[in-house]
Amino acid sequence: VSWIGIARYRNGKDAGTMLAGTQATGTVTITSATPERITGEIDVSDADGRIRGRFGAQRLQERP
């Protein structure tokens, strides 16, 4: 992994975090996956920051 990009929506605003993948450590666990939604937990950090918590995301549909 060369980098990790986390896009999120919080308090009515888009926010993002970039972590250097070659220096990042941690885990991402998928707890549920359906054709419409993915949920899980993340705990990843590098020298500059950390992302930790539960997440849910709508799966995007593939376009032909």
C-alpha atoms as a PDB file:
ATOM      1  CA  VAL A   1       0.000   0.000   0.000  1.00  0.00           C
ATOM      2  CA  SER A   2       1.510   3.308  -1.011  1.00  0.00           C
ATOM      3  CA  TRP A   3      -1.067   5.545   0.713  1.00  0.00           C
ATOM      4  CA  ILE A   4      -4.420   5.401   2.479  1.00  0.00           C
ATOM      5  CA  GLY A   5      -7.114   7.951   1.712  1.00  0.00           C
ATOM      6  CA  ILE A   6     -10.136   8.282   3.985  1.00  0.00           C
ATOM      7  CA  ALA A   7     -13.039  10.409   2.754  1.00  0.00           C
ATOM      8  CA  ARG A   8     -15.790  11.170   5.246  1.00  0.00           C
ATOM      9  CA  TYR A   9     -18.782  13.358   5.824  1.00  0.00           C
ATOM     10  CA  ARG A  10     -18.959  14.916   9.288  1.00  0.00           C
ATOM     11  CA  ASN A  11     -20.963  17.807  10.742  1.00  0.00           C
ATOM     12  CA  GLY A  12     -22.390  18.669   7.337  1.00  0.00           C
ATOM     13  CA  LYS A  13     -18.975  18.936   5.654  1.00  0.00           C
ATOM     14  CA  ASP A  14     -16.708  16.722   3.594  1.00  0.00           C
ATOM     15  CA  ALA A  15     -13.402  15.919   5.264  1.00  0.00           C
ATOM     16  CA  GLY A  16     -10.472  13.747   4.332  1.00  0.00           C
ATOM     17  CA  THR A  17      -7.346  12.225   5.795  1.00  0.00           C
ATOM     18  CA  MET A  18      -4.308  10.898   3.962  1.00  0.00           C
ATOM     19  CA  LEU A  19      -1.905   8.464   5.629  1.00  0.00           C
ATOM     20  CA  ALA A  20       1.403   7.273   4.179  1.00  0.00           C
ATOM     21  CA  GLY A  21       0.732   3.615   3.461  1.00  0.00           C
ATOM     22  CA  THR A  22       4.373   2.560   3.611  1.00  0.00           C
ATOM     23  CA  GLN A  23       4.565   3.884   7.185  1.00  0.00           C
ATOM     24  CA  ALA A  24       0.997   3.132   8.278  1.00  0.00           C
ATOM     25  CA  THR A  25       0.098   0.307  10.630  1.00  0.00           C
ATOM     26  CA  GLY A  26      -3.221  -1.006  11.867  1.00  0.00           C
ATOM     27  CA  THR A  27      -6.314  -2.858  10.760  1.00  0.00           C
ATOM     28  CA  VAL A  28      -9.490  -2.462   8.734  1.00  0.00           C
ATOM     29  CA  THR A  29     -12.193  -5.017   9.514  1.00  0.00           C
ATOM     30  CA  ILE A  30     -15.325  -5.484   7.401  1.00  0.00           C
ATOM     31  CA  THR A  31     -18.157  -6.511   9.736  1.00  0.00           C
ATOM     32  CA  SER A  32     -20.998  -6.628   7.195  1.00  0.00           C
ATOM     33  CA  ALA A  33     -21.325  -6.412   3.425  1.00  0.00           C
ATOM     34  CA  THR A  34     -24.463  -6.396   1.311  1.00  0.00           C
ATOM     35  CA  PRO A  35     -24.905  -5.376  -2.317  1.00  0.00           C
ATOM     36  CA  GLU A  36     -25.940  -1.908  -1.036  1.00  0.00           C
ATOM     37  CA  ARG A  37     -23.793  -1.225   2.064  1.00  0.00           C
ATOM     38  CA  ILE A  38     -20.499  -2.061   3.794  1.00  0.00           C
ATOM     39  CA  THR A  39     -19.841  -1.570   7.523  1.00  0.00           C
ATOM     40  CA  GLY A  40     -16.715  -2.103   9.533  1.00  0.00           C
ATOM     41  CA  GLU A  41     -14.105  -0.778  11.919  1.00  0.00           C
ATOM     42  CA  ILE A  42     -10.817   0.981  11.207  1.00  0.00           C
ATOM     43  CA  ASP A  43      -7.763   1.647  13.371  1.00  0.00           C
ATOM     44  CA  VAL A  44      -4.869   2.876  11.204  1.00  0.00           C
ATOM     45  CA  SER A  45      -2.113   5.354  12.032  1.00  0.00           C
ATOM     46  CA  ASP A  46       1.177   6.772  10.791  1.00  0.00           C
ATOM     47  CA  ALA A  47       3.611   9.365  12.176  1.00  0.00           C
ATOM     48  CA  ASP A  48       1.245  12.223  11.251  1.00  0.00           C
ATOM     49  CA  GLY A  49      -2.176  10.992  12.330  1.00  0.00           C
ATOM     50  CA  ARG A  50      -4.659   8.289  13.205  1.00  0.00           C
ATOM     51  CA  ILE A  51      -8.084   7.171  11.987  1.00  0.00           C
ATOM     52  CA  ARG A  52     -10.065   5.060  14.412  1.00  0.00           C
ATOM     53  CA  GLY A  53     -13.724   4.108  14.663  1.00  0.00           C
ATOM     54  CA  ARG A  54     -16.705   2.417  13.054  1.00  0.00           C
ATOM     55  CA  PHE A  55     -17.791   3.225   9.536  1.00  0.00           C
ATOM     56  CA  GLY A  56     -20.592   2.605   7.102  1.00  0.00           C
ATOM     57  CA  ALA A  57     -20.522   3.233   3.390  1.00  0.00           C
ATOM     58  CA  GLN A  58     -22.940   2.932   0.521  1.00  0.00           C
ATOM     59  CA  ARG A  59     -21.564   0.668  -2.203  1.00  0.00           C
ATOM     60  CA  LEU A  60     -21.429   2.321  -5.592  1.00  0.00           C
ATOM     61  CA  GLN A  61     -22.947   0.405  -8.465  1.00  0.00           C
ATOM     62  CA  GLU A  62     -20.725  -0.540 -11.376  1.00  0.00           C
ATOM     63  CA  ARG A  63     -21.515   1.123 -14.662  1.00  0.00           C
ATOM     64  CA  PRO A  64     -21.480  -0.936 -17.856  1.00  0.00           C
END
